[in-house]
Amino acid sequence: MDKLITAAAGGFLFPVFEYFYGPGSAVASLMVTLLFFISMDWLSGSRASKKDKTYSSRYGIDGVFRMFFMLLLPAGGHLLDVAFGTPGIVFGVFVFGLLYHTIKSMTANAIRAGWADWLPIHTMEKVTGWVQSEMEYKLSRAAKRMEEREGTPNGKAQ
């Protein structure tokens, strides 16, 4: 019976996930990565606020809604990609932007929590710098492609 319930849930949830986020293992990996770092940010933020006595259950409840909002942004990006016929550009911009923001927030929270001695701060700064430069590159490339597309009849390359 457990296997039947699991199969039914998977048979329903997998197509829903692919509809909202897109197909492929890269999409699934990016969303798992995003969820992982959002969880790490939440964990480090909770510990930091407990340590500096700024913990508020109201802020924590808002955090749950923030997390769902952050996880839905890439879905909106994918839906826009489908609408505009772009190959995952908006989805990628949202995911990389959220990862950049979340990793920076997680790092700051971990430092506030007193965990700096156990963190490779220099490496984390490099990662966030890379994500930012990669995001800027992708935004620039996407803008260039959109300009090229708009310059051709019916928006299609000849």
C-alpha atoms as a PDB file:
ATOM      1  CA  MET A   1       0.000   0.000   0.000  1.00  0.00           C
ATOM      2  CA  ASP A   2       2.876   2.385   0.825  1.00  0.00           C
ATOM      3  CA  LYS A   3       4.392   1.801  -2.609  1.00  0.00           C
ATOM      4  CA  LEU A   4       1.077   2.552  -4.282  1.00  0.00           C
ATOM      5  CA  ILE A   5       0.717   5.847  -2.403  1.00  0.00           C
ATOM      6  CA  THR A   6       4.316   6.802  -3.202  1.00  0.00           C
ATOM      7  CA  ALA A   7       3.865   5.926  -6.882  1.00  0.00           C
ATOM      8  CA  ALA A   8       0.624   7.900  -7.096  1.00  0.00           C
ATOM      9  CA  ALA A   9       2.201  10.928  -5.409  1.00  0.00           C
ATOM     10  CA  GLY A  10       5.224  10.764  -7.710  1.00  0.00           C
ATOM     11  CA  GLY A  11       3.003  10.251 -10.749  1.00  0.00           C
ATOM     12  CA  PHE A  12       1.167  13.458  -9.869  1.00  0.00           C
ATOM     13  CA  LEU A  13       4.002  15.625  -8.495  1.00  0.00           C
ATOM     14  CA  PHE A  14       6.638  14.944 -11.164  1.00  0.00           C
ATOM     15  CA  PRO A  15       4.572  16.290 -14.103  1.00  0.00           C
ATOM     16  CA  VAL A  16       3.494  19.274 -11.990  1.00  0.00           C
ATOM     17  CA  PHE A  17       7.164  20.018 -11.191  1.00  0.00           C
ATOM     18  CA  GLU A  18       8.141  19.739 -14.867  1.00  0.00           C
ATOM     19  CA  TYR A  19       5.258  21.983 -15.931  1.00  0.00           C
ATOM     20  CA  PHE A  20       6.268  24.745 -13.528  1.00  0.00           C
ATOM     21  CA  TYR A  21      10.074  24.426 -13.620  1.00  0.00           C
ATOM     22  CA  GLY A  22      10.858  22.650 -16.880  1.00  0.00           C
ATOM     23  CA  PRO A  23      12.192  19.214 -17.772  1.00  0.00           C
ATOM     24  CA  GLY A  24      15.648  17.821 -17.259  1.00  0.00           C
ATOM     25  CA  SER A  25      18.066  16.823 -14.570  1.00  0.00           C
ATOM     26  CA  ALA A  26      19.798  20.231 -14.667  1.00  0.00           C
ATOM     27  CA  VAL A  27      16.539  21.959 -13.676  1.00  0.00           C
ATOM     28  CA  ALA A  28      15.931  19.480 -10.860  1.00  0.00           C
ATOM     29  CA  SER A  29      19.527  19.863  -9.655  1.00  0.00           C
ATOM     30  CA  LEU A  30      19.300  23.653  -9.655  1.00  0.00           C
ATOM     31  CA  MET A  31      16.043  23.605  -7.697  1.00  0.00           C
ATOM     32  CA  VAL A  32      17.434  21.123  -5.151  1.00  0.00           C
ATOM     33  CA  THR A  33      20.529  23.332  -4.843  1.00  0.00           C
ATOM     34  CA  LEU A  34      18.373  26.407  -4.305  1.00  0.00           C
ATOM     35  CA  LEU A  35      16.253  24.610  -1.705  1.00  0.00           C
ATOM     36  CA  PHE A  36      19.415  23.395   0.038  1.00  0.00           C
ATOM     37  CA  PHE A  37      20.918  26.883   0.330  1.00  0.00           C
ATOM     38  CA  ILE A  38      17.597  28.430   1.375  1.00  0.00           C
ATOM     39  CA  SER A  39      17.476  25.807   4.150  1.00  0.00           C
ATOM     40  CA  MET A  40      21.054  26.601   5.142  1.00  0.00           C
ATOM     41  CA  ASP A  41      20.203  30.314   5.204  1.00  0.00           C
ATOM     42  CA  TRP A  42      17.160  29.623   7.376  1.00  0.00           C
ATOM     43  CA  LEU A  43      19.211  27.441   9.740  1.00  0.00           C
ATOM     44  CA  SER A  44      22.037  29.964  10.080  1.00  0.00           C
ATOM     45  CA  GLY A  45      19.573  32.851  10.416  1.00  0.00           C
ATOM     46  CA  SER A  46      17.667  31.056  13.178  1.00  0.00           C
ATOM     47  CA  ARG A  47      20.841  30.376  15.134  1.00  0.00           C
ATOM     48  CA  ALA A  48      22.116  33.930  14.627  1.00  0.00           C
ATOM     49  CA  SER A  49      18.859  35.479  15.834  1.00  0.00           C
ATOM     50  CA  LYS A  50      18.818  33.198  18.884  1.00  0.00           C
ATOM     51  CA  LYS A  51      22.388  34.211  19.673  1.00  0.00           C
ATOM     52  CA  ASP A  52      21.850  37.967  19.399  1.00  0.00           C
ATOM     53  CA  LYS A  53      18.368  37.703  20.964  1.00  0.00           C
ATOM     54  CA  THR A  54      16.489  39.084  17.954  1.00  0.00           C
ATOM     55  CA  TYR A  55      14.496  35.890  17.354  1.00  0.00           C
ATOM     56  CA  SER A  56      10.839  36.505  16.563  1.00  0.00           C
ATOM     57  CA  SER A  57       8.331  33.815  15.693  1.00  0.00           C
ATOM     58  CA  ARG A  58       6.472  36.370  13.570  1.00  0.00           C
ATOM     59  CA  TYR A  59       9.595  36.929  11.467  1.00  0.00           C
ATOM     60  CA  GLY A  60      10.074  33.152  11.275  1.00  0.00           C
ATOM     61  CA  ILE A  61       6.530  32.656  10.004  1.00  0.00           C
ATOM     62  CA  ASP A  62       7.141  35.367   7.424  1.00  0.00           C
ATOM     63  CA  GLY A  63      10.264  33.396   6.478  1.00  0.00           C
ATOM     64  CA  VAL A  64       8.147  30.407   5.483  1.00  0.00           C
ATOM     65  CA  PHE A  65       6.174  32.591   3.071  1.00  0.00           C
ATOM     66  CA  ARG A  66       9.430  34.151   1.818  1.00  0.00           C
ATOM     67  CA  MET A  67      10.812  30.672   1.142  1.00  0.00           C
ATOM     68  CA  PHE A  68       7.749  29.664  -0.898  1.00  0.00           C
ATOM     69  CA  PHE A  69       7.934  32.946  -2.794  1.00  0.00           C
ATOM     70  CA  MET A  70      11.627  32.359  -3.554  1.00  0.00           C
ATOM     71  CA  LEU A  71      10.931  28.821  -4.739  1.00  0.00           C
ATOM     72  CA  LEU A  72       8.103  30.030  -6.989  1.00  0.00           C
ATOM     73  CA  LEU A  73      10.165  32.754  -8.709  1.00  0.00           C
ATOM     74  CA  PRO A  74      12.056  30.262 -10.925  1.00  0.00           C
ATOM     75  CA  ALA A  75       8.707  28.673 -11.862  1.00  0.00           C
ATOM     76  CA  GLY A  76       7.554  32.085 -13.033  1.00  0.00           C
ATOM     77  CA  GLY A  77      10.815  32.416 -14.925  1.00  0.00           C
ATOM     78  CA  HIS A  78      10.230  29.113 -16.683  1.00  0.00           C
ATOM     79  CA  LEU A  79       6.667  30.103 -17.571  1.00  0.00           C
ATOM     80  CA  LEU A  80       7.997  33.371 -19.044  1.00  0.00           C
ATOM     81  CA  ASP A  81      10.634  31.400 -20.978  1.00  0.00           C
ATOM     82  CA  VAL A  82       7.866  29.263 -22.447  1.00  0.00           C
ATOM     83  CA  ALA A  83       5.779  32.334 -23.292  1.00  0.00           C
ATOM     84  CA  PHE A  84       8.691  34.171 -24.952  1.00  0.00           C
ATOM     85  CA  GLY A  85      10.320  31.090 -26.457  1.00  0.00           C
ATOM     86  CA  THR A  86      13.605  31.690 -24.640  1.00  0.00           C
ATOM     87  CA  PRO A  87      15.656  28.609 -23.747  1.00  0.00           C
ATOM     88  CA  GLY A  88      15.662  28.835 -19.946  1.00  0.00           C
ATOM     89  CA  ILE A  89      17.135  32.333 -19.777  1.00  0.00           C
ATOM     90  CA  VAL A  90      14.644  33.911 -17.366  1.00  0.00           C
ATOM     91  CA  PHE A  91      14.580  30.730 -15.260  1.00  0.00           C
ATOM     92  CA  GLY A  92      18.384  30.786 -15.037  1.00  0.00           C
ATOM     93  CA  VAL A  93      18.509  34.477 -14.153  1.00  0.00           C
ATOM     94  CA  PHE A  94      16.056  33.951 -11.294  1.00  0.00           C
ATOM     95  CA  VAL A  95      17.845  30.834  -9.983  1.00  0.00           C
ATOM     96  CA  PHE A  96      21.323  32.371 -10.128  1.00  0.00           C
ATOM     97  CA  GLY A  97      20.068  35.637  -8.631  1.00  0.00           C
ATOM     98  CA  LEU A  98      18.392  33.801  -5.768  1.00  0.00           C
ATOM     99  CA  LEU A  99      21.460  31.629  -5.210  1.00  0.00           C
ATOM    100  CA  TYR A 100      23.691  34.702  -5.102  1.00  0.00           C
ATOM    101  CA  HIS A 101      21.444  36.469  -2.601  1.00  0.00           C
ATOM    102  CA  THR A 102      20.887  33.340  -0.484  1.00  0.00           C
ATOM    103  CA  ILE A 103      24.575  32.395  -0.259  1.00  0.00           C
ATOM    104  CA  LYS A 104      25.461  35.941   0.784  1.00  0.00           C
ATOM    105  CA  SER A 105      22.672  35.947   3.382  1.00  0.00           C
ATOM    106  CA  MET A 106      23.676  32.494   4.650  1.00  0.00           C
ATOM    107  CA  THR A 107      27.293  33.601   5.022  1.00  0.00           C
ATOM    108  CA  ALA A 108      26.328  36.754   6.918  1.00  0.00           C
ATOM    109  CA  ASN A 109      24.005  34.754   9.183  1.00  0.00           C
ATOM    110  CA  ALA A 110      26.685  32.168   9.868  1.00  0.00           C
ATOM    111  CA  ILE A 111      29.131  34.902  10.853  1.00  0.00           C
ATOM    112  CA  ARG A 112      26.477  36.464  13.132  1.00  0.00           C
ATOM    113  CA  ALA A 113      25.905  33.023  14.668  1.00  0.00           C
ATOM    114  CA  GLY A 114      29.607  32.892  15.566  1.00  0.00           C
ATOM    115  CA  TRP A 115      30.539  30.197  13.057  1.00  0.00           C
ATOM    116  CA  ALA A 116      33.133  32.250  11.134  1.00  0.00           C
ATOM    117  CA  ASP A 117      36.027  30.158  12.460  1.00  0.00           C
ATOM    118  CA  TRP A 118      34.595  27.106  10.687  1.00  0.00           C
ATOM    119  CA  LEU A 119      33.748  28.804   7.398  1.00  0.00           C
ATOM    120  CA  PRO A 120      35.965  29.219   4.352  1.00  0.00           C
ATOM    121  CA  ILE A 121      35.007  32.909   4.091  1.00  0.00           C
ATOM    122  CA  HIS A 122      37.505  33.625   1.287  1.00  0.00           C
ATOM    123  CA  THR A 123      36.112  30.755  -0.784  1.00  0.00           C
ATOM    124  CA  MET A 124      32.513  31.824  -0.147  1.00  0.00           C
ATOM    125  CA  GLU A 125      33.339  35.369  -1.274  1.00  0.00           C
ATOM    126  CA  LYS A 126      34.808  33.914  -4.473  1.00  0.00           C
ATOM    127  CA  VAL A 127      31.677  31.825  -5.082  1.00  0.00           C
ATOM    128  CA  THR A 128      29.323  34.770  -4.603  1.00  0.00           C
ATOM    129  CA  GLY A 129      31.571  36.905  -6.816  1.00  0.00           C
ATOM    130  CA  TRP A 130      31.515  34.216  -9.502  1.00  0.00           C
ATOM    131  CA  VAL A 131      27.750  33.890  -9.293  1.00  0.00           C
ATOM    132  CA  GLN A 132      27.380  37.655  -9.635  1.00  0.00           C
ATOM    133  CA  SER A 133      29.716  37.858 -12.638  1.00  0.00           C
ATOM    134  CA  GLU A 134      28.039  34.816 -14.228  1.00  0.00           C
ATOM    135  CA  MET A 135      24.621  36.367 -13.673  1.00  0.00           C
ATOM    136  CA  GLU A 136      25.726  39.672 -15.237  1.00  0.00           C
ATOM    137  CA  TYR A 137      27.152  37.779 -18.220  1.00  0.00           C
ATOM    138  CA  LYS A 138      23.935  35.808 -18.687  1.00  0.00           C
ATOM    139  CA  LEU A 139      21.777  38.927 -18.390  1.00  0.00           C
ATOM    140  CA  SER A 140      23.915  40.683 -20.985  1.00  0.00           C
ATOM    141  CA  ARG A 141      23.784  37.681 -23.313  1.00  0.00           C
ATOM    142  CA  ALA A 142      20.004  37.363 -22.860  1.00  0.00           C
ATOM    143  CA  ALA A 143      19.490  41.060 -23.643  1.00  0.00           C
ATOM    144  CA  LYS A 144      21.628  40.711 -26.763  1.00  0.00           C
ATOM    145  CA  ARG A 145      19.637  37.681 -27.928  1.00  0.00           C
ATOM    146  CA  MET A 146      16.337  39.482 -27.335  1.00  0.00           C
ATOM    147  CA  GLU A 147      17.579  42.483 -29.377  1.00  0.00           C
ATOM    148  CA  GLU A 148      18.631  40.145 -32.181  1.00  0.00           C
ATOM    149  CA  ARG A 149      15.292  38.347 -32.069  1.00  0.00           C
ATOM    150  CA  GLU A 150      13.306  41.594 -32.179  1.00  0.00           C
ATOM    151  CA  GLY A 151      15.286  42.717 -35.216  1.00  0.00           C
ATOM    152  CA  THR A 152      14.049  39.816 -37.379  1.00  0.00           C
ATOM    153  CA  PRO A 153      10.592  39.240 -38.905  1.00  0.00           C
ATOM    154  CA  ASN A 154       8.175  37.487 -36.504  1.00  0.00           C
ATOM    155  CA  GLY A 155      10.916  37.353 -33.866  1.00  0.00           C
ATOM    156  CA  LYS A 156      12.482  34.295 -35.493  1.00  0.00           C
ATOM    157  CA  ALA A 157      16.049  33.925 -36.612  1.00  0.00           C
ATOM    158  CA  GLN A 158      16.499  33.523 -40.363  1.00  0.00           C
END
